[in-house]
C-alpha atoms as a PDB file:
ATOM      1  CA  MET A   1     -21.304 -25.430  -4.330  1.00  0.00           C
ATOM      2  CA  THR A   2     -21.141 -22.319  -2.146  1.00  0.00           C
ATOM      3  CA  ALA A   3     -20.679 -18.894  -3.625  1.00  0.00           C
ATOM      4  CA  VAL A   4     -17.778 -16.962  -2.204  1.00  0.00           C
ATOM      5  CA  THR A   5     -18.274 -13.272  -1.755  1.00  0.00           C
ATOM      6  CA  THR A   6     -15.460 -10.918  -1.067  1.00  0.00           C
ATOM      7  CA  THR A   7     -15.652  -7.436   0.255  1.00  0.00           C
ATOM      8  CA  HIS A   8     -13.186  -4.927  -0.984  1.00  0.00           C
ATOM      9  CA  ASP A   9     -12.169  -1.853   0.887  1.00  0.00           C
ATOM     10  CA  PRO A  10     -13.155   1.217  -1.073  1.00  0.00           C
ATOM     11  CA  VAL A  11     -10.297   2.678  -3.046  1.00  0.00           C
ATOM     12  CA  PRO A  12      -9.080   5.727  -1.137  1.00  0.00           C
ATOM     13  CA  VAL A  13      -9.439   9.024  -2.944  1.00  0.00           C
ATOM     14  CA  PRO A  14      -6.130  10.905  -3.315  1.00  0.00           C
ATOM     15  CA  PRO A  15      -6.064  14.052  -1.165  1.00  0.00           C
ATOM     16  CA  ALA A  16      -5.781  16.309  -4.232  1.00  0.00           C
ATOM     17  CA  ALA A  17      -9.025  14.899  -5.674  1.00  0.00           C
ATOM     18  CA  ASP A  18     -11.003  14.650  -2.414  1.00  0.00           C
ATOM     19  CA  SER A  19     -13.468  17.521  -2.071  1.00  0.00           C
ATOM     20  CA  GLN A  20     -13.968  16.606   1.611  1.00  0.00           C
ATOM     21  CA  PHE A  21     -10.247  16.382   2.443  1.00  0.00           C
ATOM     22  CA  VAL A  22      -9.395  17.282   6.041  1.00  0.00           C
ATOM     23  CA  PRO A  23      -5.691  17.717   6.881  1.00  0.00           C
ATOM     24  CA  ALA A  24      -4.087  16.687  10.147  1.00  0.00           C
ATOM     25  CA  SER A  25      -4.456  19.230  12.927  1.00  0.00           C
ATOM     26  CA  LEU A  26      -1.615  21.578  13.753  1.00  0.00           C
ATOM     27  CA  GLY A  27      -1.634  20.230  17.332  1.00  0.00           C
ATOM     28  CA  ARG A  28      -0.956  16.675  16.186  1.00  0.00           C
ATOM     29  CA  ARG A  29       1.686  17.851  13.732  1.00  0.00           C
ATOM     30  CA  PHE A  30       3.453  19.874  16.423  1.00  0.00           C
ATOM     31  CA  GLY A  31       3.201  16.987  18.889  1.00  0.00           C
ATOM     32  CA  ALA A  32       4.771  14.625  16.346  1.00  0.00           C
ATOM     33  CA  LEU A  33       7.590  17.080  15.657  1.00  0.00           C
ATOM     34  CA  LEU A  34       8.229  17.493  19.389  1.00  0.00           C
ATOM     35  CA  ILE A  35       8.438  13.712  19.920  1.00  0.00           C
ATOM     36  CA  ASP A  36      10.731  13.329  16.901  1.00  0.00           C
ATOM     37  CA  TRP A  37      12.935  16.192  18.096  1.00  0.00           C
ATOM     38  CA  VAL A  38      13.394  14.595  21.542  1.00  0.00           C
ATOM     39  CA  LEU A  39      14.330  11.307  19.870  1.00  0.00           C
ATOM     40  CA  CYS A  40      16.819  13.147  17.641  1.00  0.00           C
ATOM     41  CA  LEU A  41      18.405  14.805  20.676  1.00  0.00           C
ATOM     42  CA  LEU A  42      18.816  11.404  22.322  1.00  0.00           C
ATOM     43  CA  VAL A  43      20.292   9.781  19.193  1.00  0.00           C
ATOM     44  CA  SER A  44      22.614  12.686  18.414  1.00  0.00           C
ATOM     45  CA  ASN A  45      23.912  12.524  21.980  1.00  0.00           C
ATOM     46  CA  LEU A  46      25.527   9.202  21.006  1.00  0.00           C
ATOM     47  CA  PHE A  47      27.995  10.892  18.630  1.00  0.00           C
ATOM     48  CA  ALA A  48      27.957  14.615  19.510  1.00  0.00           C
ATOM     49  CA  ASP A  49      26.984  17.078  22.207  1.00  0.00           C
ATOM     50  CA  PRO A  50      23.604  18.414  21.019  1.00  0.00           C
ATOM     51  CA  VAL A  51      24.030  21.557  23.136  1.00  0.00           C
ATOM     52  CA  ARG A  52      27.452  22.408  21.704  1.00  0.00           C
ATOM     53  CA  ASP A  53      26.948  20.866  18.266  1.00  0.00           C
ATOM     54  CA  GLY A  54      23.517  22.183  17.263  1.00  0.00           C
ATOM     55  CA  TRP A  55      23.852  20.623  13.806  1.00  0.00           C
ATOM     56  CA  ALA A  56      23.791  17.053  15.156  1.00  0.00           C
ATOM     57  CA  PRO A  57      20.083  16.731  16.059  1.00  0.00           C
ATOM     58  CA  VAL A  58      19.107  18.530  12.854  1.00  0.00           C
ATOM     59  CA  VAL A  59      21.073  16.028  10.756  1.00  0.00           C
ATOM     60  CA  VAL A  60      19.471  13.145  12.654  1.00  0.00           C
ATOM     61  CA  LEU A  61      16.014  14.682  12.092  1.00  0.00           C
ATOM     62  CA  VAL A  62      16.577  15.024   8.334  1.00  0.00           C
ATOM     63  CA  PHE A  63      17.710  11.408   8.042  1.00  0.00           C
ATOM     64  CA  GLU A  64      14.907  10.195  10.340  1.00  0.00           C
ATOM     65  CA  TYR A  65      12.400  11.897   8.041  1.00  0.00           C
ATOM     66  CA  ALA A  66      14.029  10.427   4.928  1.00  0.00           C
ATOM     67  CA  LEU A  67      13.993   6.902   6.328  1.00  0.00           C
ATOM     68  CA  PHE A  68      10.705   6.754   8.191  1.00  0.00           C
ATOM     69  CA  ILE A  69       8.512   8.949   5.979  1.00  0.00           C
ATOM     70  CA  GLY A  70      10.086   7.586   2.812  1.00  0.00           C
ATOM     71  CA  LEU A  71       9.554   3.948   3.753  1.00  0.00           C
ATOM     72  CA  PHE A  72       6.649   3.945   6.231  1.00  0.00           C
ATOM     73  CA  ALA A  73       4.856   7.279   5.592  1.00  0.00           C
ATOM     74  CA  GLN A  74       5.290   8.277   9.236  1.00  0.00           C
ATOM     75  CA  THR A  75       7.977   9.006  11.792  1.00  0.00           C
ATOM     76  CA  PRO A  76       7.814   7.612  15.333  1.00  0.00           C
ATOM     77  CA  GLY A  77       6.265  10.906  16.458  1.00  0.00           C
ATOM     78  CA  MET A  78       3.686  10.702  13.688  1.00  0.00           C
ATOM     79  CA  PHE A  79       2.888   7.129  14.723  1.00  0.00           C
ATOM     80  CA  VAL A  80       2.218   8.232  18.316  1.00  0.00           C
ATOM     81  CA  THR A  81       0.060  11.210  17.238  1.00  0.00           C
ATOM     82  CA  ARG A  82      -1.689   9.119  14.544  1.00  0.00           C
ATOM     83  CA  ILE A  83      -0.825  11.127  11.444  1.00  0.00           C
ATOM     84  CA  ARG A  84       0.850  10.199   8.139  1.00  0.00           C
ATOM     85  CA  CYS A  85       2.690  11.998   5.356  1.00  0.00           C
ATOM     86  CA  LEU A  86       1.397  10.959   1.928  1.00  0.00           C
ATOM     87  CA  ALA A  87       1.742  12.040  -1.674  1.00  0.00           C
ATOM     88  CA  TRP A  88      -0.718  14.807  -2.500  1.00  0.00           C
ATOM     89  CA  ALA A  89      -1.463  13.537  -6.006  1.00  0.00           C
ATOM     90  CA  ASP A  90      -2.088   9.833  -5.388  1.00  0.00           C
ATOM     91  CA  GLY A  91      -2.186   9.263  -1.609  1.00  0.00           C
ATOM     92  CA  GLY A  92       0.789   6.849  -1.668  1.00  0.00           C
ATOM     93  CA  ARG A  93       4.205   7.053  -0.046  1.00  0.00           C
ATOM     94  CA  ILE A  94       6.475   9.871  -1.173  1.00  0.00           C
ATOM     95  CA  GLY A  95       9.669   7.793  -1.200  1.00  0.00           C
ATOM     96  CA  VAL A  96      13.060   8.321   0.409  1.00  0.00           C
ATOM     97  CA  ILE A  97      14.408  11.047  -1.919  1.00  0.00           C
ATOM     98  CA  ARG A  98      11.352  13.298  -1.610  1.00  0.00           C
ATOM     99  CA  ALA A  99      11.215  12.623   2.134  1.00  0.00           C
ATOM    100  CA  LEU A 100      14.886  13.641   2.413  1.00  0.00           C
ATOM    101  CA  LEU A 101      14.170  16.892   0.563  1.00  0.00           C
ATOM    102  CA  ARG A 102      11.129  17.460   2.771  1.00  0.00           C
ATOM    103  CA  GLY A 103      13.294  16.975   5.875  1.00  0.00           C
ATOM    104  CA  VAL A 104      15.903  19.453   4.623  1.00  0.00           C
ATOM    105  CA  LEU A 105      13.215  22.036   3.884  1.00  0.00           C
ATOM    106  CA  LEU A 106      11.589  21.418   7.278  1.00  0.00           C
ATOM    107  CA  ALA A 107      14.955  22.007   8.967  1.00  0.00           C
ATOM    108  CA  LEU A 108      14.974  25.479   7.399  1.00  0.00           C
ATOM    109  CA  VAL A 109      11.770  26.179   9.450  1.00  0.00           C
ATOM    110  CA  VAL A 110      10.403  29.041   7.310  1.00  0.00           C
ATOM    111  CA  PRO A 111       8.962  26.804   4.545  1.00  0.00           C
ATOM    112  CA  ALA A 112       6.900  24.979   7.168  1.00  0.00           C
ATOM    113  CA  LEU A 113       5.352  28.243   8.333  1.00  0.00           C
ATOM    114  CA  LEU A 114       4.087  29.246   4.876  1.00  0.00           C
ATOM    115  CA  MET A 115       0.887  27.174   4.752  1.00  0.00           C
ATOM    116  CA  ASP A 116      -2.003  27.034   2.319  1.00  0.00           C
ATOM    117  CA  GLU A 117      -5.675  26.252   3.016  1.00  0.00           C
ATOM    118  CA  GLN A 118      -4.934  22.492   3.249  1.00  0.00           C
ATOM    119  CA  ARG A 119      -2.276  23.171   5.928  1.00  0.00           C
ATOM    120  CA  ARG A 120       0.430  22.206   3.437  1.00  0.00           C
ATOM    121  CA  GLY A 121       3.603  24.108   4.203  1.00  0.00           C
ATOM    122  CA  LEU A 122       5.918  25.200   1.414  1.00  0.00           C
ATOM    123  CA  HIS A 123       8.041  22.115   2.168  1.00  0.00           C
ATOM    124  CA  ASP A 124       4.987  19.904   1.522  1.00  0.00           C
ATOM    125  CA  ARG A 125       4.009  21.729  -1.669  1.00  0.00           C
ATOM    126  CA  LEU A 126       7.528  21.556  -3.095  1.00  0.00           C
ATOM    127  CA  VAL A 127       7.767  17.776  -2.658  1.00  0.00           C
ATOM    128  CA  GLY A 128       4.103  17.028  -3.367  1.00  0.00           C
ATOM    129  CA  SER A 129       3.160  15.748   0.084  1.00  0.00           C
ATOM    130  CA  VAL A 130       0.452  16.312   2.667  1.00  0.00           C
ATOM    131  CA  VAL A 131       0.052  15.333   6.332  1.00  0.00           C
ATOM    132  CA  VAL A 132      -3.221  13.515   7.020  1.00  0.00           C
ATOM    133  CA  PRO A 133      -4.814  11.754   9.979  1.00  0.00           C
ATOM    134  CA  ALA A 134      -3.836   8.067  10.075  1.00  0.00           C
ATOM    135  CA  THR A 135      -6.725   5.728   9.436  1.00  0.00           C
ATOM    136  CA  ARG A 136      -5.289   2.804  11.412  1.00  0.00           C
END
């Protein structure tokens, strides 16, 4: 009889409890937002004129954030720049409702500019999220 050994990946430490936590860089975050914004302009062009109807790409961005961050922890722009948006307390997904609220707050711009030492904007602190480098 042969013994079977299994290796388990170490359990990731939630960002809030990790003394060596390093947030995603502002460059990657801005790059992800830029990619997502271009995609939102293209999508909103299907049902409105983004130049005349400035609300259209913003609405698309909020719903993109709700869907992609809520379900997959990253938007297409975040995928390209290799970052993720996770729950601060446990390191899991934040869910669609919190991602929707995060998108609304991000659309207001000012909350995103008020950052703490972990580069968590007010929008992240209010919904309990953090943007981290993607591991895979």
